[in-house]
Amino acid sequence: MKREQVTTLLERYRQNKRVYDTDKIVFTGVNETVYNISRAFDWNGKTYILGRVEPLESELSKVAFFQKVTDKEYKFVEGAVLEDLQDPCVTTYNGELVVGGTHIDVEDGKIVNWNTTFYKGTDIFNLQRFADAPKKMKDARLTAYKDKILVCTRPQGGVAGCGKIGVITVDSLADITPATLEKAVLFEDLFDEKEWGGANELFVLKNGWIGVLGHIAKMSEGYVRHYYAMTFAFKPETMERTAVKIIAERADFKAGESKRSDLVDVLFSGGIVRGEDGKATLYTGTSDAEGQYIVIDDPFKEYESL
């Protein structure tokens, strides 16, 4: 399938966009910035959001659980923290909560390395690290699929260029290792050579295809970053896929703070909750400074008729 540049995808999105509601989420109980959030999820009778927590002027972060007070307010859960972690995601597997994110290695106050890591357990206060992606690989994501586990990877460099999405299926959580993930098959034609993207959440659709919520990004003059929320779907057995489509841009959300001037136009898709009414709530980090949600048409519904 022909790949299309962000500019073309954005023009197409703007011609048909529908935004039903959007607002900021207030995170209480911490004095730091909370952004790049997960979707809202239920666990043991309570509703939570995971958030990346750090000072506005730093990237030395942790991921914390925040419990729902209202749709627009979530309160920090004391003690439910994963240190040295960024950009969380959440799913479940075999009755356990699975939390992923970008683990950072810090020396003398500086980040010297990073990679996706996964944690699991039934107790949010005692999640155990069980798997790692290769060094410098962000945005690995997993889902249960036909008694196996499907993992989307995001290598950079070499044939992966600025960053491509790969796919591999393994038999068990124990098989998710750096060496195994290096063998993932890449979508060669997903992004333009000077653009990049990654998966943020995976869905097994009614027809057996995998729906991918992700981000697609480019750089403009002055190293200014532009990130957009996107989706596509693929059939694991053949790697047949749909076209990429943008489903939200920063301008669709409330105006707010930005971590730096080069990050004003950044969305980082955290997760999506599909509704019974044909709409969906997308949770994102905005401008690397805040967490917001937006209600849109369910972007995966059209894929289920393939």
C-alpha atoms as a PDB file:
ATOM      1  CA  MET A   1       0.000   0.000   0.000  1.00  0.00           C
ATOM      2  CA  LYS A   2       1.230   3.489  -0.857  1.00  0.00           C
ATOM      3  CA  ARG A   3       2.424   5.483   2.123  1.00  0.00           C
ATOM      4  CA  GLU A   4       1.275   9.072   2.532  1.00  0.00           C
ATOM      5  CA  GLN A   5       2.982  12.018   4.182  1.00  0.00           C
ATOM      6  CA  VAL A   6       1.625  13.606   7.334  1.00  0.00           C
ATOM      7  CA  THR A   7       0.642  16.714   5.375  1.00  0.00           C
ATOM      8  CA  THR A   8      -1.721  14.700   3.160  1.00  0.00           C
ATOM      9  CA  LEU A   9      -3.165  12.743   6.082  1.00  0.00           C
ATOM     10  CA  LEU A  10      -3.753  15.952   8.025  1.00  0.00           C
ATOM     11  CA  GLU A  11      -5.553  17.627   5.135  1.00  0.00           C
ATOM     12  CA  ARG A  12      -7.857  14.627   4.783  1.00  0.00           C
ATOM     13  CA  TYR A  13      -8.551  14.562   8.520  1.00  0.00           C
ATOM     14  CA  ARG A  14      -9.421  18.261   8.672  1.00  0.00           C
ATOM     15  CA  GLN A  15     -12.008  17.871   5.919  1.00  0.00           C
ATOM     16  CA  ASN A  16     -14.041  15.385   7.953  1.00  0.00           C
ATOM     17  CA  LYS A  17     -13.160  15.898  11.613  1.00  0.00           C
ATOM     18  CA  ARG A  18     -15.820  15.643  14.312  1.00  0.00           C
ATOM     19  CA  VAL A  19     -15.036  16.542  17.906  1.00  0.00           C
ATOM     20  CA  TYR A  20     -17.897  16.059  20.349  1.00  0.00           C
ATOM     21  CA  ASP A  21     -16.210  17.028  23.612  1.00  0.00           C
ATOM     22  CA  THR A  22     -12.783  17.723  25.064  1.00  0.00           C
ATOM     23  CA  ASP A  23     -11.365  18.847  28.386  1.00  0.00           C
ATOM     24  CA  LYS A  24      -8.314  18.784  30.614  1.00  0.00           C
ATOM     25  CA  ILE A  25      -7.987  16.234  33.396  1.00  0.00           C
ATOM     26  CA  VAL A  26      -6.928  17.617  36.769  1.00  0.00           C
ATOM     27  CA  PHE A  27      -4.469  15.428  38.662  1.00  0.00           C
ATOM     28  CA  THR A  28      -4.340  16.140  42.397  1.00  0.00           C
ATOM     29  CA  GLY A  29      -2.001  14.973  45.136  1.00  0.00           C
ATOM     30  CA  VAL A  30       1.263  15.797  43.339  1.00  0.00           C
ATOM     31  CA  ASN A  31       3.052  19.090  42.770  1.00  0.00           C
ATOM     32  CA  GLU A  32       4.617  18.107  39.470  1.00  0.00           C
ATOM     33  CA  THR A  33       3.533  17.962  35.839  1.00  0.00           C
ATOM     34  CA  VAL A  34       1.338  14.994  34.834  1.00  0.00           C
ATOM     35  CA  TYR A  35       1.142  14.161  31.137  1.00  0.00           C
ATOM     36  CA  ASN A  36       1.381  11.339  28.556  1.00  0.00           C
ATOM     37  CA  ILE A  37      -1.411   9.560  30.363  1.00  0.00           C
ATOM     38  CA  SER A  38      -2.958   6.134  29.831  1.00  0.00           C
ATOM     39  CA  ARG A  39      -6.632   5.640  29.131  1.00  0.00           C
ATOM     40  CA  ALA A  40      -8.965   5.350  32.084  1.00  0.00           C
ATOM     41  CA  PHE A  41      -9.262   1.706  33.186  1.00  0.00           C
ATOM     42  CA  ASP A  42     -11.003  -0.328  35.887  1.00  0.00           C
ATOM     43  CA  TRP A  43      -9.113  -2.565  38.284  1.00  0.00           C
ATOM     44  CA  ASN A  44     -10.403  -4.261  41.433  1.00  0.00           C
ATOM     45  CA  GLY A  45     -13.533  -2.126  41.481  1.00  0.00           C
ATOM     46  CA  LYS A  46     -11.817   1.247  41.043  1.00  0.00           C
ATOM     47  CA  THR A  47     -11.053   3.442  38.032  1.00  0.00           C
ATOM     48  CA  TYR A  48      -7.527   4.704  37.413  1.00  0.00           C
ATOM     49  CA  ILE A  49      -5.368   6.611  34.979  1.00  0.00           C
ATOM     50  CA  LEU A  50      -1.604   6.161  34.789  1.00  0.00           C
ATOM     51  CA  GLY A  51       0.357   9.374  34.345  1.00  0.00           C
ATOM     52  CA  ARG A  52       3.943  10.390  33.668  1.00  0.00           C
ATOM     53  CA  VAL A  53       4.980  12.608  36.576  1.00  0.00           C
ATOM     54  CA  GLU A  54       7.968  14.964  36.536  1.00  0.00           C
ATOM     55  CA  PRO A  55       8.990  18.579  37.104  1.00  0.00           C
ATOM     56  CA  LEU A  56       8.162  20.819  34.134  1.00  0.00           C
ATOM     57  CA  GLU A  57      11.848  21.577  33.597  1.00  0.00           C
ATOM     58  CA  SER A  58      13.022  17.938  33.779  1.00  0.00           C
ATOM     59  CA  GLU A  59      12.525  14.547  32.105  1.00  0.00           C
ATOM     60  CA  LEU A  60      13.506  12.518  35.179  1.00  0.00           C
ATOM     61  CA  SER A  61      10.130  10.930  35.646  1.00  0.00           C
ATOM     62  CA  LYS A  62       8.050   8.261  37.322  1.00  0.00           C
ATOM     63  CA  VAL A  63       4.676   6.726  36.484  1.00  0.00           C
ATOM     64  CA  ALA A  64       1.940   6.972  39.101  1.00  0.00           C
ATOM     65  CA  PHE A  65      -1.578   5.640  39.542  1.00  0.00           C
ATOM     66  CA  PHE A  66      -4.333   8.231  39.894  1.00  0.00           C
ATOM     67  CA  GLN A  67      -7.787   7.173  41.095  1.00  0.00           C
ATOM     68  CA  LYS A  68     -10.952   8.644  39.616  1.00  0.00           C
ATOM     69  CA  VAL A  69     -12.770  11.295  41.628  1.00  0.00           C
ATOM     70  CA  THR A  70     -14.836  12.601  38.684  1.00  0.00           C
ATOM     71  CA  ASP A  71     -14.484  12.293  34.900  1.00  0.00           C
ATOM     72  CA  LYS A  72     -12.207  15.329  35.028  1.00  0.00           C
ATOM     73  CA  GLU A  73     -10.369  14.775  38.317  1.00  0.00           C
ATOM     74  CA  TYR A  74      -8.047  11.956  39.375  1.00  0.00           C
ATOM     75  CA  LYS A  75      -6.200  11.762  42.718  1.00  0.00           C
ATOM     76  CA  PHE A  76      -2.687  10.402  43.279  1.00  0.00           C
ATOM     77  CA  VAL A  77      -2.612   6.976  44.936  1.00  0.00           C
ATOM     78  CA  GLU A  78       0.136   7.103  47.557  1.00  0.00           C
ATOM     79  CA  GLY A  79       2.629   4.272  47.104  1.00  0.00           C
ATOM     80  CA  ALA A  80       1.397   3.167  43.667  1.00  0.00           C
ATOM     81  CA  VAL A  81       4.423   4.401  41.727  1.00  0.00           C
ATOM     82  CA  LEU A  82       6.837   2.903  39.197  1.00  0.00           C
ATOM     83  CA  GLU A  83      10.118   4.793  39.388  1.00  0.00           C
ATOM     84  CA  ASP A  84      12.228   5.867  36.395  1.00  0.00           C
ATOM     85  CA  LEU A  85       9.408   5.267  33.940  1.00  0.00           C
ATOM     86  CA  GLN A  86       7.791   7.376  31.206  1.00  0.00           C
ATOM     87  CA  ASP A  87       4.803   7.239  28.839  1.00  0.00           C
ATOM     88  CA  PRO A  88       2.685   4.467  30.406  1.00  0.00           C
ATOM     89  CA  CYS A  89       0.305   2.021  28.754  1.00  0.00           C
ATOM     90  CA  VAL A  90      -2.014  -0.564  30.261  1.00  0.00           C
ATOM     91  CA  THR A  91      -3.674  -3.851  29.329  1.00  0.00           C
ATOM     92  CA  THR A  92      -4.521  -7.158  31.009  1.00  0.00           C
ATOM     93  CA  TYR A  93      -3.329 -10.723  30.478  1.00  0.00           C
ATOM     94  CA  ASN A  94      -4.449 -13.937  32.221  1.00  0.00           C
ATOM     95  CA  GLY A  95      -6.170 -12.021  34.995  1.00  0.00           C
ATOM     96  CA  GLU A  96      -3.234  -9.747  35.721  1.00  0.00           C
ATOM     97  CA  LEU A  97      -2.747  -6.054  35.122  1.00  0.00           C
ATOM     98  CA  VAL A  98       0.048  -5.355  32.642  1.00  0.00           C
ATOM     99  CA  VAL A  99       1.661  -1.913  32.689  1.00  0.00           C
ATOM    100  CA  GLY A 100       4.293  -0.821  30.199  1.00  0.00           C
ATOM    101  CA  GLY A 101       6.366   2.284  29.718  1.00  0.00           C
ATOM    102  CA  THR A 102       9.752   3.659  28.802  1.00  0.00           C
ATOM    103  CA  HIS A 103      12.265   2.824  31.526  1.00  0.00           C
ATOM    104  CA  ILE A 104      15.070   5.366  31.847  1.00  0.00           C
ATOM    105  CA  ASP A 105      18.603   4.712  33.100  1.00  0.00           C
ATOM    106  CA  VAL A 106      19.869   7.747  34.977  1.00  0.00           C
ATOM    107  CA  GLU A 107      23.473   8.571  35.853  1.00  0.00           C
ATOM    108  CA  ASP A 108      24.547  11.814  37.541  1.00  0.00           C
ATOM    109  CA  GLY A 109      21.116  13.288  36.934  1.00  0.00           C
ATOM    110  CA  LYS A 110      21.147  12.554  33.198  1.00  0.00           C
ATOM    111  CA  ILE A 111      19.270   9.988  31.104  1.00  0.00           C
ATOM    112  CA  VAL A 112      21.894   7.716  29.518  1.00  0.00           C
ATOM    113  CA  ASN A 113      19.681   4.953  28.135  1.00  0.00           C
ATOM    114  CA  TRP A 114      16.050   3.909  27.749  1.00  0.00           C
ATOM    115  CA  ASN A 115      13.826   1.046  26.640  1.00  0.00           C
ATOM    116  CA  THR A 116      10.269  -0.229  26.971  1.00  0.00           C
ATOM    117  CA  THR A 117       9.700  -2.376  30.048  1.00  0.00           C
ATOM    118  CA  PHE A 118       6.618  -4.281  31.210  1.00  0.00           C
ATOM    119  CA  TYR A 119       5.279  -4.973  34.709  1.00  0.00           C
ATOM    120  CA  LYS A 120       2.485  -7.307  35.839  1.00  0.00           C
ATOM    121  CA  GLY A 121       0.522  -8.314  38.898  1.00  0.00           C
ATOM    122  CA  THR A 122      -2.843  -8.111  40.623  1.00  0.00           C
ATOM    123  CA  ASP A 123      -1.802  -5.521  43.230  1.00  0.00           C
ATOM    124  CA  ILE A 124      -1.052  -2.001  41.952  1.00  0.00           C
ATOM    125  CA  PHE A 125       1.341  -1.554  44.883  1.00  0.00           C
ATOM    126  CA  ASN A 126       3.433  -4.583  43.953  1.00  0.00           C
ATOM    127  CA  LEU A 127       3.805  -4.908  40.178  1.00  0.00           C
ATOM    128  CA  GLN A 128       6.763  -6.990  39.045  1.00  0.00           C
ATOM    129  CA  ARG A 129       8.971  -6.191  36.057  1.00  0.00           C
ATOM    130  CA  PHE A 130       8.890  -9.158  33.656  1.00  0.00           C
ATOM    131  CA  ALA A 131      10.026  -8.086  30.180  1.00  0.00           C
ATOM    132  CA  ASP A 132      12.258  -5.636  28.365  1.00  0.00           C
ATOM    133  CA  ALA A 133      12.536  -4.365  24.808  1.00  0.00           C
ATOM    134  CA  PRO A 134      15.973  -3.740  23.273  1.00  0.00           C
ATOM    135  CA  LYS A 135      17.884  -0.688  24.446  1.00  0.00           C
ATOM    136  CA  LYS A 136      16.613   2.589  22.979  1.00  0.00           C
ATOM    137  CA  MET A 137      13.343   1.030  21.807  1.00  0.00           C
ATOM    138  CA  LYS A 138      10.331   2.991  22.983  1.00  0.00           C
ATOM    139  CA  ASP A 139       6.662   2.245  22.313  1.00  0.00           C
ATOM    140  CA  ALA A 140       6.575  -1.556  22.380  1.00  0.00           C
ATOM    141  CA  ARG A 141       3.001  -2.705  23.013  1.00  0.00           C
ATOM    142  CA  LEU A 142       1.352  -6.104  23.515  1.00  0.00           C
ATOM    143  CA  THR A 143      -2.031  -7.800  23.481  1.00  0.00           C
ATOM    144  CA  ALA A 144      -3.368 -11.329  23.887  1.00  0.00           C
ATOM    145  CA  TYR A 145      -4.116 -12.837  20.480  1.00  0.00           C
ATOM    146  CA  LYS A 146      -5.432 -16.344  19.705  1.00  0.00           C
ATOM    147  CA  ASP A 147      -3.807 -18.010  22.756  1.00  0.00           C
ATOM    148  CA  LYS A 148      -0.571 -16.187  21.989  1.00  0.00           C
ATOM    149  CA  ILE A 149       0.787 -12.693  22.528  1.00  0.00           C
ATOM    150  CA  LEU A 150       1.147 -10.188  19.717  1.00  0.00           C
ATOM    151  CA  VAL A 151       3.753  -7.471  20.222  1.00  0.00           C
ATOM    152  CA  CYS A 152       4.233  -4.290  18.229  1.00  0.00           C
ATOM    153  CA  THR A 153       7.772  -2.932  18.354  1.00  0.00           C
ATOM    154  CA  ARG A 154       9.347   0.363  17.302  1.00  0.00           C
ATOM    155  CA  PRO A 155      13.015   0.113  16.324  1.00  0.00           C
ATOM    156  CA  GLN A 156      14.993   3.108  15.081  1.00  0.00           C
ATOM    157  CA  GLY A 157      18.063   3.347  12.906  1.00  0.00           C
ATOM    158  CA  GLY A 158      19.206   1.178  10.019  1.00  0.00           C
ATOM    159  CA  VAL A 159      16.287  -0.126   7.968  1.00  0.00           C
ATOM    160  CA  ALA A 160      13.895   1.309  10.575  1.00  0.00           C
ATOM    161  CA  GLY A 161      15.058   4.876   9.855  1.00  0.00           C
ATOM    162  CA  CYS A 162      13.461   7.467  12.130  1.00  0.00           C
ATOM    163  CA  GLY A 163      11.180   4.820  13.624  1.00  0.00           C
ATOM    164  CA  LYS A 164       8.948   2.078  12.201  1.00  0.00           C
ATOM    165  CA  ILE A 165       6.388  -0.310  13.664  1.00  0.00           C
ATOM    166  CA  GLY A 166       7.200  -4.015  13.739  1.00  0.00           C
ATOM    167  CA  VAL A 167       5.049  -7.043  14.584  1.00  0.00           C
ATOM    168  CA  ILE A 168       5.880 -10.378  16.180  1.00  0.00           C
ATOM    169  CA  THR A 169       3.792 -13.103  17.852  1.00  0.00           C
ATOM    170  CA  VAL A 170       5.149 -15.134  20.778  1.00  0.00           C
ATOM    171  CA  ASP A 171       3.840 -18.032  22.857  1.00  0.00           C
ATOM    172  CA  SER A 172       4.193 -16.558  26.345  1.00  0.00           C
ATOM    173  CA  LEU A 173       5.217 -13.496  28.327  1.00  0.00           C
ATOM    174  CA  ALA A 174       8.545 -15.208  29.009  1.00  0.00           C
ATOM    175  CA  ASP A 175       9.274 -15.091  25.277  1.00  0.00           C
ATOM    176  CA  ILE A 176       9.251 -11.290  25.225  1.00  0.00           C
ATOM    177  CA  THR A 177      12.993 -10.621  25.229  1.00  0.00           C
ATOM    178  CA  PRO A 178      15.229  -8.053  23.497  1.00  0.00           C
ATOM    179  CA  ALA A 179      16.536 -10.725  21.116  1.00  0.00           C
ATOM    180  CA  THR A 180      13.021 -11.888  20.200  1.00  0.00           C
ATOM    181  CA  LEU A 181      11.681  -8.378  19.600  1.00  0.00           C
ATOM    182  CA  GLU A 182      14.593  -7.626  17.275  1.00  0.00           C
ATOM    183  CA  LYS A 183      13.088 -10.255  14.923  1.00  0.00           C
ATOM    184  CA  ALA A 184       9.776  -8.405  14.459  1.00  0.00           C
ATOM    185  CA  VAL A 185       8.612  -7.925  10.866  1.00  0.00           C
ATOM    186  CA  LEU A 186       8.493  -4.231   9.944  1.00  0.00           C
ATOM    187  CA  PHE A 187       5.782  -2.343   8.110  1.00  0.00           C
ATOM    188  CA  GLU A 188       8.164  -0.894   5.522  1.00  0.00           C
ATOM    189  CA  ASP A 189       5.616   1.399   3.873  1.00  0.00           C
ATOM    190  CA  LEU A 190       3.788   2.849   6.874  1.00  0.00           C
ATOM    191  CA  PHE A 191       5.626   6.164   7.263  1.00  0.00           C
ATOM    192  CA  ASP A 192       7.462   8.553   4.982  1.00  0.00           C
ATOM    193  CA  GLU A 193      11.269   8.370   5.228  1.00  0.00           C
ATOM    194  CA  LYS A 194      11.536  11.629   7.189  1.00  0.00           C
ATOM    195  CA  GLU A 195       8.586  10.849   9.451  1.00  0.00           C
ATOM    196  CA  TRP A 196       8.101   8.307  12.209  1.00  0.00           C
ATOM    197  CA  GLY A 197       5.513   6.769  14.468  1.00  0.00           C
ATOM    198  CA  GLY A 198       4.734   4.125  17.026  1.00  0.00           C
ATOM    199  CA  ALA A 199       1.942   2.054  18.527  1.00  0.00           C
ATOM    200  CA  ASN A 200       0.328   3.180  21.782  1.00  0.00           C
ATOM    201  CA  GLU A 201      -2.443   0.621  22.284  1.00  0.00           C
ATOM    202  CA  LEU A 202      -3.554  -2.563  20.498  1.00  0.00           C
ATOM    203  CA  PHE A 203      -7.077  -3.918  20.053  1.00  0.00           C
ATOM    204  CA  VAL A 204      -8.251  -7.310  18.814  1.00  0.00           C
ATOM    205  CA  LEU A 205     -11.206  -6.372  16.604  1.00  0.00           C
ATOM    206  CA  LYS A 206     -14.355  -8.436  16.037  1.00  0.00           C
ATOM    207  CA  ASN A 207     -13.082  -9.707  12.677  1.00  0.00           C
ATOM    208  CA  GLY A 208      -9.722 -10.818  14.091  1.00  0.00           C
ATOM    209  CA  TRP A 209      -7.760  -7.890  12.739  1.00  0.00           C
ATOM    210  CA  ILE A 210      -5.553  -5.852  15.091  1.00  0.00           C
ATOM    211  CA  GLY A 211      -6.495  -2.214  15.534  1.00  0.00           C
ATOM    212  CA  VAL A 212      -3.556   0.046  16.346  1.00  0.00           C
ATOM    213  CA  LEU A 213      -3.875   3.348  18.156  1.00  0.00           C
ATOM    214  CA  GLY A 214      -0.626   5.208  17.702  1.00  0.00           C
ATOM    215  CA  HIS A 215       1.128   8.415  16.835  1.00  0.00           C
ATOM    216  CA  ILE A 216       2.679   9.742  13.656  1.00  0.00           C
ATOM    217  CA  ALA A 217       5.213  12.537  13.765  1.00  0.00           C
ATOM    218  CA  LYS A 218       7.442  14.833  11.797  1.00  0.00           C
ATOM    219  CA  MET A 219       9.971  17.579  12.411  1.00  0.00           C
ATOM    220  CA  SER A 220       9.808  21.086  10.948  1.00  0.00           C
ATOM    221  CA  GLU A 221      12.490  23.745  10.696  1.00  0.00           C
ATOM    222  CA  GLY A 222      14.224  24.485  13.982  1.00  0.00           C
ATOM    223  CA  TYR A 223      13.677  20.909  15.212  1.00  0.00           C
ATOM    224  CA  VAL A 224      10.069  21.663  16.084  1.00  0.00           C
ATOM    225  CA  ARG A 225       8.099  18.446  16.675  1.00  0.00           C
ATOM    226  CA  HIS A 226       4.603  17.733  15.372  1.00  0.00           C
ATOM    227  CA  TYR A 227       2.806  14.648  16.737  1.00  0.00           C
ATOM    228  CA  TYR A 228      -0.670  13.462  15.737  1.00  0.00           C
ATOM    229  CA  ALA A 229      -2.914  10.648  16.987  1.00  0.00           C
ATOM    230  CA  MET A 230      -3.478   8.009  14.325  1.00  0.00           C
ATOM    231  CA  THR A 231      -4.954   4.563  13.758  1.00  0.00           C
ATOM    232  CA  PHE A 232      -4.711   1.717  11.285  1.00  0.00           C
ATOM    233  CA  ALA A 233      -5.556  -1.991  11.313  1.00  0.00           C
ATOM    234  CA  PHE A 234      -3.786  -5.083  10.061  1.00  0.00           C
ATOM    235  CA  LYS A 235      -4.302  -8.806   9.641  1.00  0.00           C
ATOM    236  CA  PRO A 236      -1.484 -10.572  11.523  1.00  0.00           C
ATOM    237  CA  GLU A 237      -1.453 -13.675   9.342  1.00  0.00           C
ATOM    238  CA  THR A 238      -0.721 -11.736   6.134  1.00  0.00           C
ATOM    239  CA  MET A 239       0.388  -8.254   7.345  1.00  0.00           C
ATOM    240  CA  GLU A 240      -2.321  -6.808   5.079  1.00  0.00           C
ATOM    241  CA  ARG A 241      -3.179  -3.388   6.450  1.00  0.00           C
ATOM    242  CA  THR A 242      -5.460  -0.411   6.071  1.00  0.00           C
ATOM    243  CA  ALA A 243      -4.288   3.097   5.344  1.00  0.00           C
ATOM    244  CA  VAL A 244      -3.087   5.232   8.234  1.00  0.00           C
ATOM    245  CA  LYS A 245      -5.540   7.902   9.293  1.00  0.00           C
ATOM    246  CA  ILE A 246      -5.090  10.815  11.678  1.00  0.00           C
ATOM    247  CA  ILE A 247      -7.825  10.922  14.325  1.00  0.00           C
ATOM    248  CA  ALA A 248      -6.806  14.006  16.363  1.00  0.00           C
ATOM    249  CA  GLU A 249      -4.389  16.945  16.362  1.00  0.00           C
ATOM    250  CA  ARG A 250      -3.255  19.277  19.120  1.00  0.00           C
ATOM    251  CA  ALA A 251      -5.567  22.086  17.951  1.00  0.00           C
ATOM    252  CA  ASP A 252      -8.599  19.900  18.776  1.00  0.00           C
ATOM    253  CA  PHE A 253      -7.834  20.109  22.497  1.00  0.00           C
ATOM    254  CA  LYS A 254      -7.918  22.870  25.077  1.00  0.00           C
ATOM    255  CA  ALA A 255      -5.093  25.411  24.964  1.00  0.00           C
ATOM    256  CA  GLY A 256      -2.574  24.964  27.757  1.00  0.00           C
ATOM    257  CA  GLU A 257       0.974  24.753  28.956  1.00  0.00           C
ATOM    258  CA  SER A 258       3.888  23.365  26.972  1.00  0.00           C
ATOM    259  CA  LYS A 259       7.087  21.854  28.297  1.00  0.00           C
ATOM    260  CA  ARG A 260       9.155  23.681  25.652  1.00  0.00           C
ATOM    261  CA  SER A 261       8.486  25.839  22.613  1.00  0.00           C
ATOM    262  CA  ASP A 262       9.344  22.969  20.243  1.00  0.00           C
ATOM    263  CA  LEU A 263       6.682  20.738  21.852  1.00  0.00           C
ATOM    264  CA  VAL A 264       3.612  22.966  21.500  1.00  0.00           C
ATOM    265  CA  ASP A 265       2.158  20.878  18.635  1.00  0.00           C
ATOM    266  CA  VAL A 266       2.556  17.488  20.297  1.00  0.00           C
ATOM    267  CA  LEU A 267      -0.069  14.854  21.082  1.00  0.00           C
ATOM    268  CA  PHE A 268       0.963  11.532  22.591  1.00  0.00           C
ATOM    269  CA  SER A 269      -1.874   9.019  22.305  1.00  0.00           C
ATOM    270  CA  GLY A 270      -2.248   7.275  25.651  1.00  0.00           C
ATOM    271  CA  GLY A 271      -5.216   5.024  25.066  1.00  0.00           C
ATOM    272  CA  ILE A 272      -8.790   4.936  23.871  1.00  0.00           C
ATOM    273  CA  VAL A 273     -12.081   3.721  25.357  1.00  0.00           C
ATOM    274  CA  ARG A 274     -14.610   2.544  22.769  1.00  0.00           C
ATOM    275  CA  GLY A 275     -18.240   3.297  23.576  1.00  0.00           C
ATOM    276  CA  GLU A 276     -21.431   1.433  22.746  1.00  0.00           C
ATOM    277  CA  ASP A 277     -22.778   4.527  20.953  1.00  0.00           C
ATOM    278  CA  GLY A 278     -20.230   4.539  18.120  1.00  0.00           C
ATOM    279  CA  LYS A 279     -18.072   7.150  19.802  1.00  0.00           C
ATOM    280  CA  ALA A 280     -14.748   6.793  21.596  1.00  0.00           C
ATOM    281  CA  THR A 281     -12.845   8.715  24.258  1.00  0.00           C
ATOM    282  CA  LEU A 282      -9.180   9.301  23.416  1.00  0.00           C
ATOM    283  CA  TYR A 283      -6.794  10.067  26.285  1.00  0.00           C
ATOM    284  CA  THR A 284      -3.605  11.932  25.397  1.00  0.00           C
ATOM    285  CA  GLY A 285      -0.700  13.923  26.661  1.00  0.00           C
ATOM    286  CA  THR A 286      -0.736  17.447  25.229  1.00  0.00           C
ATOM    287  CA  SER A 287       2.407  19.498  24.581  1.00  0.00           C
ATOM    288  CA  ASP A 288       4.375  17.329  27.048  1.00  0.00           C
ATOM    289  CA  ALA A 289       2.732  19.231  29.895  1.00  0.00           C
ATOM    290  CA  GLU A 290      -0.872  18.142  30.497  1.00  0.00           C
ATOM    291  CA  GLY A 291      -3.343  15.262  30.152  1.00  0.00           C
ATOM    292  CA  GLN A 292      -6.598  15.693  28.257  1.00  0.00           C
ATOM    293  CA  TYR A 293      -9.395  13.659  26.705  1.00  0.00           C
ATOM    294  CA  ILE A 294     -11.409  14.077  23.521  1.00  0.00           C
ATOM    295  CA  VAL A 295     -14.611  12.377  22.341  1.00  0.00           C
ATOM    296  CA  ILE A 296     -14.618  11.413  18.661  1.00  0.00           C
ATOM    297  CA  ASP A 297     -16.203   8.871  16.347  1.00  0.00           C
ATOM    298  CA  ASP A 298     -14.899   5.365  17.066  1.00  0.00           C
ATOM    299  CA  PRO A 299     -11.945   5.097  14.652  1.00  0.00           C
ATOM    300  CA  PHE A 300     -11.919   1.281  14.751  1.00  0.00           C
ATOM    301  CA  LYS A 301     -15.522   0.682  13.779  1.00  0.00           C
ATOM    302  CA  GLU A 302     -14.881   0.829  10.027  1.00  0.00           C
ATOM    303  CA  TYR A 303     -12.095  -1.761  10.277  1.00  0.00           C
ATOM    304  CA  GLU A 304     -14.429  -4.386  11.729  1.00  0.00           C
ATOM    305  CA  SER A 305     -16.318  -4.676   8.429  1.00  0.00           C
ATOM    306  CA  LEU A 306     -13.206  -5.703   6.464  1.00  0.00           C
END
